[in-house]
């Protein structure tokens, strides 16, 4: 039997969904301005990463920004800013699942079963590895963790650690890759 969500769950999920949709609209409307945010360095990297972590419908150039800024700035700080930003943005996905707990379980039973098995078999390691990998399914995975009532603080810390690991790796790829290309072209930074 499908149960209705409580009022609190419905409000949290609805508000999170509304914020996510609003962020998508902002990204579409201010797309050209957002690309200039990366010129603000670490803060721009953080802002782009929050948006990249909070939206799935609209592609945010988070990976190219981290890669590029890693070649221009300190790659560790770029990766840390990106990781923290994506973790903050991922909270919206988590809260969508938390608020729509009973509703989202029936959206895709196959995906729900796979995610359930992954969490039961691997626990926190699964969250960390899903967060640290370049994959398009982290947003629905975060929604699922909200439906599962995986602890919000635990989710945030594991996501932060995973996304920071991914961010630092991308920034170092940009650091070494961009410097190699610029050296090859005879351009010195």
C-alpha atoms as a PDB file:
ATOM      1  CA  UNK A   1       0.000   0.000   0.000  1.00  0.00           C
ATOM      2  CA  UNK A   2       1.340   3.417  -0.948  1.00  0.00           C
ATOM      3  CA  UNK A   3       1.355   5.822   1.968  1.00  0.00           C
ATOM      4  CA  UNK A   4       1.025   9.563   1.634  1.00  0.00           C
ATOM      5  CA  UNK A   5       3.933  11.694   2.843  1.00  0.00           C
ATOM      6  CA  UNK A   6       3.459  13.639   6.071  1.00  0.00           C
ATOM      7  CA  UNK A   7       2.947  17.390   5.836  1.00  0.00           C
ATOM      8  CA  UNK A   8       6.536  18.011   6.909  1.00  0.00           C
ATOM      9  CA  UNK A   9       7.907  15.596   4.317  1.00  0.00           C
ATOM     10  CA  UNK A  10       5.743  17.141   1.616  1.00  0.00           C
ATOM     11  CA  UNK A  11       6.879  20.669   2.521  1.00  0.00           C
ATOM     12  CA  UNK A  12      10.568  19.771   2.621  1.00  0.00           C
ATOM     13  CA  UNK A  13      10.389  17.870  -0.671  1.00  0.00           C
ATOM     14  CA  UNK A  14       8.251  20.492  -2.371  1.00  0.00           C
ATOM     15  CA  UNK A  15      10.457  23.363  -1.238  1.00  0.00           C
ATOM     16  CA  UNK A  16      13.616  21.537  -2.324  1.00  0.00           C
ATOM     17  CA  UNK A  17      12.083  20.732  -5.694  1.00  0.00           C
ATOM     18  CA  UNK A  18      11.022  24.371  -6.108  1.00  0.00           C
ATOM     19  CA  UNK A  19      14.546  25.591  -5.277  1.00  0.00           C
ATOM     20  CA  UNK A  20      16.043  23.111  -7.743  1.00  0.00           C
ATOM     21  CA  UNK A  21      13.651  24.248 -10.487  1.00  0.00           C
ATOM     22  CA  UNK A  22      14.363  27.898  -9.654  1.00  0.00           C
ATOM     23  CA  UNK A  23      18.107  27.248  -9.903  1.00  0.00           C
ATOM     24  CA  UNK A  24      17.564  25.621 -13.318  1.00  0.00           C
ATOM     25  CA  UNK A  25      15.631  28.686 -14.497  1.00  0.00           C
ATOM     26  CA  UNK A  26      18.342  31.020 -13.149  1.00  0.00           C
ATOM     27  CA  UNK A  27      21.022  29.011 -14.928  1.00  0.00           C
ATOM     28  CA  UNK A  28      19.130  29.135 -18.226  1.00  0.00           C
ATOM     29  CA  UNK A  29      18.304  32.828 -17.925  1.00  0.00           C
ATOM     30  CA  UNK A  30      21.769  33.959 -16.773  1.00  0.00           C
ATOM     31  CA  UNK A  31      23.858  31.386 -18.662  1.00  0.00           C
ATOM     32  CA  UNK A  32      26.271  33.931 -20.165  1.00  0.00           C
ATOM     33  CA  UNK A  33      26.768  35.686 -16.854  1.00  0.00           C
ATOM     34  CA  UNK A  34      27.409  32.387 -15.088  1.00  0.00           C
ATOM     35  CA  UNK A  35      30.282  31.590 -17.399  1.00  0.00           C
ATOM     36  CA  UNK A  36      31.908  34.850 -16.275  1.00  0.00           C
ATOM     37  CA  UNK A  37      31.645  33.774 -12.614  1.00  0.00           C
ATOM     38  CA  UNK A  38      34.680  31.539 -13.107  1.00  0.00           C
ATOM     39  CA  UNK A  39      36.744  34.729 -13.498  1.00  0.00           C
ATOM     40  CA  UNK A  40      36.167  35.287  -9.766  1.00  0.00           C
ATOM     41  CA  UNK A  41      38.587  32.453  -9.000  1.00  0.00           C
ATOM     42  CA  UNK A  42      37.915  30.245  -5.999  1.00  0.00           C
ATOM     43  CA  UNK A  43      34.595  31.904  -5.148  1.00  0.00           C
ATOM     44  CA  UNK A  44      33.437  31.521  -8.751  1.00  0.00           C
ATOM     45  CA  UNK A  45      34.454  27.865  -8.649  1.00  0.00           C
ATOM     46  CA  UNK A  46      32.402  27.410  -5.468  1.00  0.00           C
ATOM     47  CA  UNK A  47      29.315  29.116  -6.944  1.00  0.00           C
ATOM     48  CA  UNK A  48      29.456  27.127 -10.192  1.00  0.00           C
ATOM     49  CA  UNK A  49      29.909  23.932  -8.164  1.00  0.00           C
ATOM     50  CA  UNK A  50      26.888  24.649  -5.948  1.00  0.00           C
ATOM     51  CA  UNK A  51      24.783  25.060  -9.073  1.00  0.00           C
ATOM     52  CA  UNK A  52      26.298  21.937 -10.650  1.00  0.00           C
ATOM     53  CA  UNK A  53      25.488  19.914  -7.540  1.00  0.00           C
ATOM     54  CA  UNK A  54      21.952  21.246  -7.208  1.00  0.00           C
ATOM     55  CA  UNK A  55      20.691  20.803 -10.752  1.00  0.00           C
ATOM     56  CA  UNK A  56      20.448  17.871 -13.091  1.00  0.00           C
ATOM     57  CA  UNK A  57      18.194  19.147 -15.853  1.00  0.00           C
ATOM     58  CA  UNK A  58      20.438  22.010 -16.961  1.00  0.00           C
ATOM     59  CA  UNK A  59      24.077  21.154 -17.634  1.00  0.00           C
ATOM     60  CA  UNK A  60      26.399  23.345 -15.601  1.00  0.00           C
ATOM     61  CA  UNK A  61      30.013  23.521 -16.783  1.00  0.00           C
ATOM     62  CA  UNK A  62      31.388  22.449 -13.401  1.00  0.00           C
ATOM     63  CA  UNK A  63      33.959  19.990 -14.733  1.00  0.00           C
ATOM     64  CA  UNK A  64      35.486  22.368 -17.316  1.00  0.00           C
ATOM     65  CA  UNK A  65      35.594  25.193 -14.745  1.00  0.00           C
ATOM     66  CA  UNK A  66      37.424  23.031 -12.177  1.00  0.00           C
ATOM     67  CA  UNK A  67      39.768  21.689 -14.849  1.00  0.00           C
ATOM     68  CA  UNK A  68      40.577  25.164 -16.191  1.00  0.00           C
ATOM     69  CA  UNK A  69      40.939  26.867 -12.821  1.00  0.00           C
ATOM     70  CA  UNK A  70      43.136  23.996 -11.634  1.00  0.00           C
ATOM     71  CA  UNK A  71      45.584  24.987 -14.362  1.00  0.00           C
ATOM     72  CA  UNK A  72      45.502  28.650 -13.374  1.00  0.00           C
ATOM     73  CA  UNK A  73      45.203  28.607  -9.568  1.00  0.00           C
ATOM     74  CA  UNK A  74      46.219  26.322  -6.697  1.00  0.00           C
ATOM     75  CA  UNK A  75      44.657  22.953  -7.672  1.00  0.00           C
ATOM     76  CA  UNK A  76      44.129  21.814  -4.070  1.00  0.00           C
ATOM     77  CA  UNK A  77      42.133  24.927  -3.180  1.00  0.00           C
ATOM     78  CA  UNK A  78      40.193  24.773  -6.466  1.00  0.00           C
ATOM     79  CA  UNK A  79      39.308  21.113  -5.803  1.00  0.00           C
ATOM     80  CA  UNK A  80      38.333  21.848  -2.202  1.00  0.00           C
ATOM     81  CA  UNK A  81      36.117  24.776  -3.247  1.00  0.00           C
ATOM     82  CA  UNK A  82      34.484  22.654  -5.944  1.00  0.00           C
ATOM     83  CA  UNK A  83      33.964  19.707  -3.594  1.00  0.00           C
ATOM     84  CA  UNK A  84      32.381  21.816  -0.877  1.00  0.00           C
ATOM     85  CA  UNK A  85      30.182  23.609  -3.419  1.00  0.00           C
ATOM     86  CA  UNK A  86      28.915  20.374  -4.988  1.00  0.00           C
ATOM     87  CA  UNK A  87      28.231  18.901  -1.548  1.00  0.00           C
ATOM     88  CA  UNK A  88      26.183  21.969  -0.602  1.00  0.00           C
ATOM     89  CA  UNK A  89      24.263  21.750  -3.888  1.00  0.00           C
ATOM     90  CA  UNK A  90      23.621  18.017  -3.422  1.00  0.00           C
ATOM     91  CA  UNK A  91      21.679  18.730  -0.246  1.00  0.00           C
ATOM     92  CA  UNK A  92      18.778  19.909  -2.427  1.00  0.00           C
ATOM     93  CA  UNK A  93      18.615  16.514  -4.155  1.00  0.00           C
ATOM     94  CA  UNK A  94      18.754  14.756  -0.791  1.00  0.00           C
ATOM     95  CA  UNK A  95      15.924  16.911   0.567  1.00  0.00           C
ATOM     96  CA  UNK A  96      13.765  16.210  -2.489  1.00  0.00           C
ATOM     97  CA  UNK A  97      13.993  12.524  -1.630  1.00  0.00           C
ATOM     98  CA  UNK A  98      13.488  13.176   2.058  1.00  0.00           C
ATOM     99  CA  UNK A  99      10.324  15.144   1.404  1.00  0.00           C
ATOM    100  CA  UNK A 100       8.898  12.818  -1.199  1.00  0.00           C
ATOM    101  CA  UNK A 101       9.939   9.684   0.678  1.00  0.00           C
ATOM    102  CA  UNK A 102       6.948   7.533  -0.064  1.00  0.00           C
ATOM    103  CA  UNK A 103       6.281   9.014  -3.484  1.00  0.00           C
ATOM    104  CA  UNK A 104       9.754   8.648  -4.983  1.00  0.00           C
ATOM    105  CA  UNK A 105      10.069   4.991  -4.001  1.00  0.00           C
ATOM    106  CA  UNK A 106       7.575   4.061  -6.678  1.00  0.00           C
ATOM    107  CA  UNK A 107       9.056   6.165  -9.484  1.00  0.00           C
ATOM    108  CA  UNK A 108      11.578   3.553 -10.652  1.00  0.00           C
ATOM    109  CA  UNK A 109      11.512   0.310  -8.686  1.00  0.00           C
ATOM    110  CA  UNK A 110      14.502  -1.169 -10.562  1.00  0.00           C
ATOM    111  CA  UNK A 111      16.758   1.793  -9.804  1.00  0.00           C
ATOM    112  CA  UNK A 112      15.468   1.911  -6.226  1.00  0.00           C
ATOM    113  CA  UNK A 113      16.304  -1.798  -5.774  1.00  0.00           C
ATOM    114  CA  UNK A 114      19.837  -1.311  -7.138  1.00  0.00           C
ATOM    115  CA  UNK A 115      20.521   1.669  -4.896  1.00  0.00           C
ATOM    116  CA  UNK A 116      19.070  -0.196  -1.885  1.00  0.00           C
ATOM    117  CA  UNK A 117      21.349  -3.171  -2.515  1.00  0.00           C
ATOM    118  CA  UNK A 118      24.330  -0.873  -2.952  1.00  0.00           C
ATOM    119  CA  UNK A 119      23.702   0.869   0.379  1.00  0.00           C
ATOM    120  CA  UNK A 120      22.944  -2.358   2.277  1.00  0.00           C
ATOM    121  CA  UNK A 121      26.047  -4.094   0.892  1.00  0.00           C
ATOM    122  CA  UNK A 122      28.532  -1.222   1.023  1.00  0.00           C
ATOM    123  CA  UNK A 123      27.025   1.503   3.243  1.00  0.00           C
ATOM    124  CA  UNK A 124      28.998   4.715   3.544  1.00  0.00           C
ATOM    125  CA  UNK A 125      31.658   3.515   1.098  1.00  0.00           C
ATOM    126  CA  UNK A 126      29.008   3.483  -1.639  1.00  0.00           C
ATOM    127  CA  UNK A 127      28.103   7.109  -0.945  1.00  0.00           C
ATOM    128  CA  UNK A 128      31.752   8.175  -0.991  1.00  0.00           C
ATOM    129  CA  UNK A 129      32.525   6.335  -4.228  1.00  0.00           C
ATOM    130  CA  UNK A 130      29.355   7.534  -5.959  1.00  0.00           C
ATOM    131  CA  UNK A 131      30.255  11.101  -4.954  1.00  0.00           C
ATOM    132  CA  UNK A 132      33.870  10.801  -6.076  1.00  0.00           C
ATOM    133  CA  UNK A 133      33.117   9.315  -9.502  1.00  0.00           C
ATOM    134  CA  UNK A 134      32.240  11.262 -12.626  1.00  0.00           C
ATOM    135  CA  UNK A 135      28.749   9.894 -13.112  1.00  0.00           C
ATOM    136  CA  UNK A 136      25.375  11.284 -14.112  1.00  0.00           C
ATOM    137  CA  UNK A 137      23.428   9.219 -11.559  1.00  0.00           C
ATOM    138  CA  UNK A 138      24.603  10.955  -8.388  1.00  0.00           C
ATOM    139  CA  UNK A 139      21.582  13.300  -8.373  1.00  0.00           C
ATOM    140  CA  UNK A 140      19.037  10.431  -8.347  1.00  0.00           C
ATOM    141  CA  UNK A 141      21.300   8.578  -5.905  1.00  0.00           C
ATOM    142  CA  UNK A 142      21.176  11.587  -3.548  1.00  0.00           C
ATOM    143  CA  UNK A 143      17.379  11.695  -3.911  1.00  0.00           C
ATOM    144  CA  UNK A 144      17.297   7.994  -3.064  1.00  0.00           C
ATOM    145  CA  UNK A 145      19.424   8.537   0.060  1.00  0.00           C
ATOM    146  CA  UNK A 146      16.873  11.106   1.199  1.00  0.00           C
ATOM    147  CA  UNK A 147      14.049   8.600   0.716  1.00  0.00           C
ATOM    148  CA  UNK A 148      16.054   6.028   2.637  1.00  0.00           C
ATOM    149  CA  UNK A 149      16.496   8.511   5.504  1.00  0.00           C
ATOM    150  CA  UNK A 150      20.262   8.160   5.306  1.00  0.00           C
ATOM    151  CA  UNK A 151      21.556  10.689   7.847  1.00  0.00           C
ATOM    152  CA  UNK A 152      21.805  14.199   6.375  1.00  0.00           C
ATOM    153  CA  UNK A 153      25.050  15.050   8.183  1.00  0.00           C
ATOM    154  CA  UNK A 154      26.582  11.716   7.209  1.00  0.00           C
ATOM    155  CA  UNK A 155      25.402  12.225   3.611  1.00  0.00           C
ATOM    156  CA  UNK A 156      26.884  15.720   3.520  1.00  0.00           C
ATOM    157  CA  UNK A 157      30.253  14.699   4.978  1.00  0.00           C
ATOM    158  CA  UNK A 158      30.636  11.679   2.684  1.00  0.00           C
ATOM    159  CA  UNK A 159      29.540  13.701  -0.333  1.00  0.00           C
ATOM    160  CA  UNK A 160      31.909  16.507   0.630  1.00  0.00           C
ATOM    161  CA  UNK A 161      34.809  14.057   0.944  1.00  0.00           C
ATOM    162  CA  UNK A 162      33.984  12.320  -2.343  1.00  0.00           C
ATOM    163  CA  UNK A 163      33.339  15.482  -4.319  1.00  0.00           C
ATOM    164  CA  UNK A 164      36.504  17.103  -2.924  1.00  0.00           C
ATOM    165  CA  UNK A 165      38.554  14.063  -3.964  1.00  0.00           C
ATOM    166  CA  UNK A 166      37.044  14.292  -7.447  1.00  0.00           C
ATOM    167  CA  UNK A 167      37.565  18.064  -7.556  1.00  0.00           C
ATOM    168  CA  UNK A 168      41.229  17.877  -6.572  1.00  0.00           C
ATOM    169  CA  UNK A 169      41.854  15.132  -9.146  1.00  0.00           C
ATOM    170  CA  UNK A 170      40.175  17.230 -11.880  1.00  0.00           C
ATOM    171  CA  UNK A 171      42.051  20.357 -10.823  1.00  0.00           C
ATOM    172  CA  UNK A 172      45.380  18.509 -10.949  1.00  0.00           C
ATOM    173  CA  UNK A 173      44.492  17.144 -14.387  1.00  0.00           C
ATOM    174  CA  UNK A 174      43.923  20.739 -15.421  1.00  0.00           C
ATOM    175  CA  UNK A 175      47.127  21.853 -13.734  1.00  0.00           C
ATOM    176  CA  UNK A 176      49.316  19.306 -15.472  1.00  0.00           C
ATOM    177  CA  UNK A 177      47.341  19.225 -18.719  1.00  0.00           C
ATOM    178  CA  UNK A 178      47.030  22.975 -19.156  1.00  0.00           C
ATOM    179  CA  UNK A 179      50.656  23.622 -18.227  1.00  0.00           C
ATOM    180  CA  UNK A 180      51.791  20.952 -20.684  1.00  0.00           C
ATOM    181  CA  UNK A 181      49.750  22.473 -23.518  1.00  0.00           C
ATOM    182  CA  UNK A 182      50.855  26.031 -22.701  1.00  0.00           C
ATOM    183  CA  UNK A 183      54.511  24.972 -22.458  1.00  0.00           C
ATOM    184  CA  UNK A 184      54.183  23.165 -25.777  1.00  0.00           C
ATOM    185  CA  UNK A 185      52.768  26.361 -27.322  1.00  0.00           C
ATOM    186  CA  UNK A 186      55.576  28.426 -25.736  1.00  0.00           C
ATOM    187  CA  UNK A 187      53.230  30.380 -23.448  1.00  0.00           C
ATOM    188  CA  UNK A 188      54.407  31.002 -19.869  1.00  0.00           C
ATOM    189  CA  UNK A 189      51.986  31.738 -17.036  1.00  0.00           C
END
